[in-house]
Amino acid sequence: MATLGLMGTRRTLWVFAALLATTAVTAYAVGLFVWLLWETDEVCGHQFAYDGAPLREMRTSLLPLTNTCVFEDGATYSDIPVWVNPVFFASLVAAAACAARAAWFGRTPR
């Protein structure tokens, strides 16, 4: 009876790991979609996003996903949704924890 419960727990953990990994990939894909398709540099360069000071630089990064305009007066504008990076990293860590725990349940005692 205990083995049956353990196998069910192990299977449930693998399902959670897969769902969390899917959530991480989806969040990153949404952010990447915004990063690739929106022309943030032109929006900032023509001062549509902020009209206080001229554009100084663009900060872009894939991890964490960043596409930010930095203006001369220190103001910033980012088009990546605020929730993308926290959801991506939290889901990735939780998926890894679930997978590690499921693998731990699957080991054979010696």
Protein backbone atom coordinates (compact mmCIF):
# COMPACT_ATOMS: atom_id res chain seq x y z
CA MET A 1 0.00 0.00 0.00
CA ALA A 2 2.83 2.42 0.81
CA THR A 3 4.50 1.70 -2.54
CA LEU A 4 1.31 2.53 -4.41
CA GLY A 5 1.07 5.88 -2.59
CA LEU A 6 4.74 6.59 -3.30
CA MET A 7 4.32 5.88 -7.02
CA GLY A 8 1.28 8.16 -7.13
CA THR A 9 3.26 10.90 -5.41
CA ARG A 10 6.16 10.41 -7.82
CA ARG A 11 3.86 10.61 -10.85
CA THR A 12 2.14 13.70 -9.44
CA LEU A 13 5.52 15.40 -8.96
CA TRP A 14 6.51 14.68 -12.57
CA VAL A 15 3.19 16.15 -13.76
CA PHE A 16 3.75 19.27 -11.65
CA ALA A 17 7.31 19.55 -12.97
CA ALA A 18 6.03 19.37 -16.56
CA LEU A 19 3.29 21.94 -15.91
CA LEU A 20 5.71 24.33 -14.23
CA ALA A 21 8.25 23.94 -17.03
CA THR A 22 5.48 24.68 -19.54
CA THR A 23 4.55 27.78 -17.55
CA ALA A 24 8.19 28.94 -17.60
CA VAL A 25 8.50 28.41 -21.35
CA THR A 26 5.19 30.19 -22.00
CA ALA A 27 6.16 33.22 -19.88
CA TYR A 28 9.52 33.47 -21.62
CA ALA A 29 7.88 33.10 -25.04
CA VAL A 30 5.49 35.97 -24.28
CA GLY A 31 8.40 38.19 -23.26
CA LEU A 32 10.47 37.15 -26.27
CA PHE A 33 7.51 37.82 -28.56
CA VAL A 34 7.22 41.36 -27.19
CA TRP A 35 11.00 41.85 -27.38
CA LEU A 36 11.26 40.73 -30.99
CA LEU A 37 8.14 42.29 -32.48
CA TRP A 38 7.84 45.65 -30.76
CA GLU A 39 10.18 48.34 -31.99
CA THR A 40 11.10 49.77 -28.63
CA ASP A 41 14.24 51.49 -29.89
CA GLU A 42 12.22 53.50 -32.42
CA VAL A 43 9.49 54.28 -29.89
CA CYS A 44 12.09 55.62 -27.47
CA GLY A 45 14.24 57.27 -30.15
CA HIS A 46 11.31 59.31 -31.44
CA GLN A 47 10.33 60.15 -27.85
CA PHE A 48 6.91 58.48 -28.03
CA ALA A 49 7.51 56.62 -24.75
CA TYR A 50 9.11 59.51 -22.84
CA ASP A 51 9.50 63.10 -23.93
CA GLY A 52 11.66 64.43 -21.11
CA ALA A 53 15.16 63.73 -22.38
CA PRO A 54 16.87 62.15 -25.39
CA LEU A 55 17.63 58.43 -25.55
CA ARG A 56 21.07 57.53 -24.18
CA GLU A 57 21.18 53.74 -24.66
CA MET A 58 19.23 50.52 -25.07
CA ARG A 59 19.77 47.69 -22.59
CA THR A 60 18.93 44.27 -23.97
CA SER A 61 19.48 40.85 -22.48
CA LEU A 62 18.11 37.35 -22.95
CA LEU A 63 18.57 36.26 -19.31
CA PRO A 64 16.90 38.00 -17.60
CA LEU A 65 14.79 39.11 -20.53
CA THR A 66 15.32 42.85 -20.83
CA ASN A 67 14.63 45.46 -23.48
CA THR A 68 14.91 48.83 -21.76
CA CYS A 69 15.42 52.37 -23.01
CA VAL A 70 17.63 54.52 -20.79
CA PHE A 71 17.27 58.28 -21.20
CA GLU A 72 19.81 61.02 -20.47
CA ASP A 73 18.05 62.06 -17.25
CA GLY A 74 18.08 58.48 -15.89
CA ALA A 75 14.45 57.62 -16.70
CA THR A 76 13.82 54.17 -18.15
CA TYR A 77 11.13 52.55 -20.27
CA SER A 78 10.75 48.80 -20.67
CA ASP A 79 8.30 47.03 -22.93
CA ILE A 80 8.77 43.56 -21.42
CA PRO A 81 5.81 42.85 -19.08
CA VAL A 82 6.85 43.08 -15.43
CA TRP A 83 5.64 39.57 -14.61
CA VAL A 84 7.66 37.71 -17.28
CA ASN A 85 11.01 37.30 -15.49
CA PRO A 86 9.64 36.45 -12.01
CA VAL A 87 7.20 33.89 -13.44
CA PHE A 88 9.90 32.40 -15.67
CA PHE A 89 12.51 31.98 -12.93
CA ALA A 90 10.09 30.91 -10.18
CA SER A 91 8.47 28.31 -12.44
CA LEU A 92 11.86 27.03 -13.56
CA VAL A 93 13.10 26.62 -9.98
CA ALA A 94 9.86 24.96 -8.86
CA ALA A 95 9.94 22.58 -11.86
CA ALA A 96 13.52 21.61 -11.02
CA ALA A 97 12.58 21.03 -7.38
CA CYS A 98 9.61 18.84 -8.34
CA ALA A 99 11.74 16.85 -10.80
CA ALA A 100 14.50 16.37 -8.23
CA ARG A 101 12.03 15.21 -5.60
CA ALA A 102 10.36 12.82 -8.06
CA ALA A 103 13.76 11.40 -8.98
CA TRP A 104 14.56 11.02 -5.26
CA PHE A 105 11.34 9.03 -4.77
CA GLY A 106 12.30 6.85 -7.72
CA ARG A 107 15.69 5.73 -6.44
CA THR A 108 16.02 2.17 -5.26
CA PRO A 109 17.24 1.54 -1.71
CA ARG A 110 20.31 -0.65 -1.34
